[in-house]
């Protein structure tokens, strides 16, 4: 994977990719559906060709597990294309948010939203359940919930909580017709809370 070194050199001055790749366990895996969703979002933005000039081998089976470290490199590089290397976090946020909104508007997404009655707390519980289905590491759980708020705790999470995952959560809630505020409380780069109010 020659692209990895190229991407790391490009983004090391702008995010913690070097430390994050060292921290992620070798055993940590994510399903190919995450990789494919990233590529789909890049295609919708007209950026897939530019992406594949650097990362050529993009075939991923939706249900197979792949190294999380690979996903981190893919995501960071994609984020740098959406925004810029200096604004890689904004780019990752926009990618995850955009995919969540797109999924919410799809036939499957609309069916799921009907099942959960566009309830933001139920939507967040669904996100927690999907985490268990698509990765083999880390833990998300509901720390607190109420009619107008919810807090999710993320533990041993190696995808950027404060940018990518926050964007995905906000996009999912937006698909429910909710525009929440969110406070991100990181205890360290891989553990923290997302506290939503609406």
Protein backbone atom coordinates (compact mmCIF):
# COMPACT_ATOMS: atom_id res chain seq x y z
CA UNK A 1 0.00 0.00 0.00
CA UNK A 2 2.25 2.74 -1.28
CA UNK A 3 -0.56 5.28 -1.02
CA UNK A 4 -0.53 5.08 2.79
CA UNK A 5 2.85 6.78 3.13
CA UNK A 6 1.84 9.46 0.63
CA UNK A 7 -1.42 10.21 2.46
CA UNK A 8 0.25 10.22 5.89
CA UNK A 9 2.94 12.65 4.71
CA UNK A 10 0.30 14.93 3.19
CA UNK A 11 -1.92 15.01 6.29
CA UNK A 12 0.46 14.61 9.25
CA UNK A 13 0.82 18.40 9.65
CA UNK A 14 -2.97 18.82 9.80
CA UNK A 15 -4.30 15.97 11.96
CA UNK A 16 -3.15 13.24 14.33
CA UNK A 17 -3.07 10.51 11.68
CA UNK A 18 0.42 9.29 12.66
CA UNK A 19 -0.48 8.81 16.34
CA UNK A 20 -3.90 7.39 15.45
CA UNK A 21 -2.45 4.75 13.12
CA UNK A 22 -0.05 3.71 15.89
CA UNK A 23 -2.86 3.56 18.45
CA UNK A 24 -5.39 1.51 16.48
CA UNK A 25 -5.09 -2.19 17.34
CA UNK A 26 -4.01 -4.47 14.49
CA UNK A 27 -7.09 -6.58 15.24
CA UNK A 28 -9.55 -3.65 14.81
CA UNK A 29 -11.74 -4.16 11.76
CA UNK A 30 -14.55 -2.35 9.96
CA UNK A 31 -16.91 -3.75 7.34
CA UNK A 32 -16.46 -2.88 3.71
CA UNK A 33 -19.79 -1.05 3.69
CA UNK A 34 -17.99 1.91 5.33
CA UNK A 35 -15.41 2.00 2.54
CA UNK A 36 -18.12 1.75 -0.09
CA UNK A 37 -20.22 4.50 1.51
CA UNK A 38 -17.16 6.75 1.45
CA UNK A 39 -16.60 6.06 -2.24
CA UNK A 40 -20.29 6.65 -3.01
CA UNK A 41 -20.19 10.02 -1.26
CA UNK A 42 -17.05 10.98 -3.18
CA UNK A 43 -18.81 9.99 -6.42
CA UNK A 44 -21.81 12.20 -5.58
CA UNK A 45 -19.36 15.08 -5.05
CA UNK A 46 -17.50 14.42 -8.31
CA UNK A 47 -14.27 13.54 -6.46
CA UNK A 48 -13.91 9.81 -6.97
CA UNK A 49 -11.58 10.07 -9.99
CA UNK A 50 -9.24 12.39 -8.06
CA UNK A 51 -9.37 10.00 -5.11
CA UNK A 52 -8.47 6.99 -7.26
CA UNK A 53 -5.41 8.72 -8.70
CA UNK A 54 -3.85 8.10 -5.26
CA UNK A 55 -5.82 5.15 -3.84
CA UNK A 56 -6.19 2.73 -6.76
CA UNK A 57 -7.40 -0.51 -5.14
CA UNK A 58 -10.90 0.45 -4.07
CA UNK A 59 -12.81 -2.84 -4.39
CA UNK A 60 -14.30 -3.79 -1.04
CA UNK A 61 -16.94 -6.39 -0.26
CA UNK A 62 -19.75 -4.79 1.76
CA UNK A 63 -19.81 -7.41 4.52
CA UNK A 64 -16.15 -8.41 4.84
CA UNK A 65 -14.04 -6.94 7.63
CA UNK A 66 -11.01 -4.82 6.71
CA UNK A 67 -8.36 -3.12 8.86
CA UNK A 68 -9.62 0.01 10.57
CA UNK A 69 -6.24 1.59 9.91
CA UNK A 70 -6.98 1.35 6.17
CA UNK A 71 -10.31 3.08 6.68
CA UNK A 72 -8.64 5.89 8.62
CA UNK A 73 -6.27 6.54 5.72
CA UNK A 74 -9.10 6.40 3.16
CA UNK A 75 -11.29 8.73 5.24
CA UNK A 76 -8.57 11.28 5.95
CA UNK A 77 -7.52 11.47 2.31
CA UNK A 78 -11.15 11.80 1.20
CA UNK A 79 -11.65 14.57 3.76
CA UNK A 80 -8.66 16.43 2.37
CA UNK A 81 -10.21 16.30 -1.11
CA UNK A 82 -13.59 17.57 0.10
CA UNK A 83 -12.08 20.53 1.96
CA UNK A 84 -8.26 20.75 1.84
CA UNK A 85 -5.40 19.08 3.70
CA UNK A 86 -5.41 21.96 6.19
CA UNK A 87 -9.18 21.49 6.75
CA UNK A 88 -9.23 17.69 6.73
CA UNK A 89 -11.49 17.56 9.82
CA UNK A 90 -14.12 19.72 8.11
CA UNK A 91 -13.92 17.45 5.06
CA UNK A 92 -14.38 14.26 7.13
CA UNK A 93 -17.32 15.89 8.93
CA UNK A 94 -18.97 16.79 5.62
CA UNK A 95 -18.41 13.30 4.17
CA UNK A 96 -20.01 11.44 7.08
CA UNK A 97 -22.82 13.99 7.37
CA UNK A 98 -23.49 13.88 3.63
CA UNK A 99 -23.67 10.11 3.57
CA UNK A 100 -26.06 10.02 6.55
CA UNK A 101 -28.38 12.54 4.91
CA UNK A 102 -28.24 10.63 1.62
CA UNK A 103 -28.97 7.31 3.37
CA UNK A 104 -31.89 8.89 5.23
CA UNK A 105 -33.38 9.93 1.88
CA UNK A 106 -32.92 6.50 0.29
CA UNK A 107 -35.71 3.91 0.15
CA UNK A 108 -34.07 1.84 2.90
CA UNK A 109 -33.40 4.92 5.00
CA UNK A 110 -36.97 6.22 4.67
CA UNK A 111 -38.30 2.77 5.62
CA UNK A 112 -36.08 2.69 8.70
CA UNK A 113 -37.15 6.21 9.68
CA UNK A 114 -40.80 5.15 9.45
CA UNK A 115 -40.07 2.27 11.82
CA UNK A 116 -38.47 4.52 14.40
CA UNK A 117 -41.09 7.27 13.94
CA UNK A 118 -38.44 9.95 13.30
CA UNK A 119 -37.65 9.84 17.01
CA UNK A 120 -34.11 11.22 17.54
CA UNK A 121 -33.44 9.06 20.61
CA UNK A 122 -34.47 5.92 18.73
CA UNK A 123 -32.33 7.07 15.81
CA UNK A 124 -29.30 7.33 18.11
CA UNK A 125 -30.04 3.88 19.58
CA UNK A 126 -30.11 2.57 16.00
CA UNK A 127 -26.68 4.11 15.39
CA UNK A 128 -25.34 2.35 18.48
CA UNK A 129 -26.68 -0.98 17.22
CA UNK A 130 -25.18 -0.43 13.78
CA UNK A 131 -21.75 0.20 15.36
CA UNK A 132 -21.86 -3.34 16.77
CA UNK A 133 -22.73 -4.72 13.34
CA UNK A 134 -20.04 -2.94 11.31
CA UNK A 135 -16.96 -2.99 13.55
CA UNK A 136 -15.30 -5.43 15.92
CA UNK A 137 -13.75 -2.86 18.26
CA UNK A 138 -14.81 -0.16 20.66
CA UNK A 139 -18.11 0.48 22.36
CA UNK A 140 -20.86 3.09 22.03
CA UNK A 141 -23.71 3.37 24.50
CA UNK A 142 -26.41 5.78 25.61
CA UNK A 143 -25.16 7.60 28.69
CA UNK A 144 -28.21 9.80 29.17
CA UNK A 145 -31.46 10.43 27.30
CA UNK A 146 -34.62 12.48 27.59
CA UNK A 147 -37.32 14.12 25.48
CA UNK A 148 -35.00 16.91 24.28
CA UNK A 149 -31.52 15.50 24.74
CA UNK A 150 -29.29 12.44 24.50
CA UNK A 151 -25.64 11.75 25.22
CA UNK A 152 -23.72 8.92 23.57
CA UNK A 153 -20.47 7.71 25.10
CA UNK A 154 -17.85 6.35 22.69
CA UNK A 155 -15.04 4.19 24.04
CA UNK A 156 -11.96 2.94 22.17
CA UNK A 157 -13.18 4.59 18.98
CA UNK A 158 -10.44 5.24 16.43
CA UNK A 159 -12.45 7.11 13.79
CA UNK A 160 -12.33 10.85 14.57
CA UNK A 161 -15.15 11.48 17.07
CA UNK A 162 -15.07 15.28 16.90
CA UNK A 163 -15.34 15.49 13.13
CA UNK A 164 -16.31 12.37 11.15
CA UNK A 165 -18.56 10.67 13.70
CA UNK A 166 -20.14 13.93 14.82
CA UNK A 167 -20.93 14.68 11.16
CA UNK A 168 -22.54 11.26 10.71
CA UNK A 169 -24.68 11.68 13.83
CA UNK A 170 -25.82 15.17 12.85
CA UNK A 171 -26.66 13.96 9.34
CA UNK A 172 -28.68 11.05 10.72
CA UNK A 173 -30.65 13.37 12.99
CA UNK A 174 -31.13 15.82 10.14
CA UNK A 175 -32.68 12.96 8.15
CA UNK A 176 -35.21 12.70 11.01
CA UNK A 177 -36.06 16.39 10.60
CA UNK A 178 -34.09 17.34 13.74
CA UNK A 179 -31.41 20.04 13.81
CA UNK A 180 -29.72 19.55 17.16
CA UNK A 181 -26.86 21.29 18.84
CA UNK A 182 -24.04 19.06 20.00
CA UNK A 183 -21.27 19.43 22.55
CA UNK A 184 -18.29 17.14 22.02
CA UNK A 185 -16.50 16.22 25.25
CA UNK A 186 -13.32 14.25 24.52
CA UNK A 187 -11.44 12.63 27.40
CA UNK A 188 -8.69 11.72 24.93
CA UNK A 189 -8.66 11.27 21.13
CA UNK A 190 -10.39 7.85 21.33
CA UNK A 191 -12.87 8.29 24.19
CA UNK A 192 -15.56 10.88 24.64
CA UNK A 193 -19.18 11.91 24.64
CA UNK A 194 -21.46 13.48 22.05
CA UNK A 195 -24.15 15.44 23.93
CA UNK A 196 -27.11 16.36 21.70
CA UNK A 197 -29.94 18.81 22.42
CA UNK A 198 -32.93 19.66 20.22
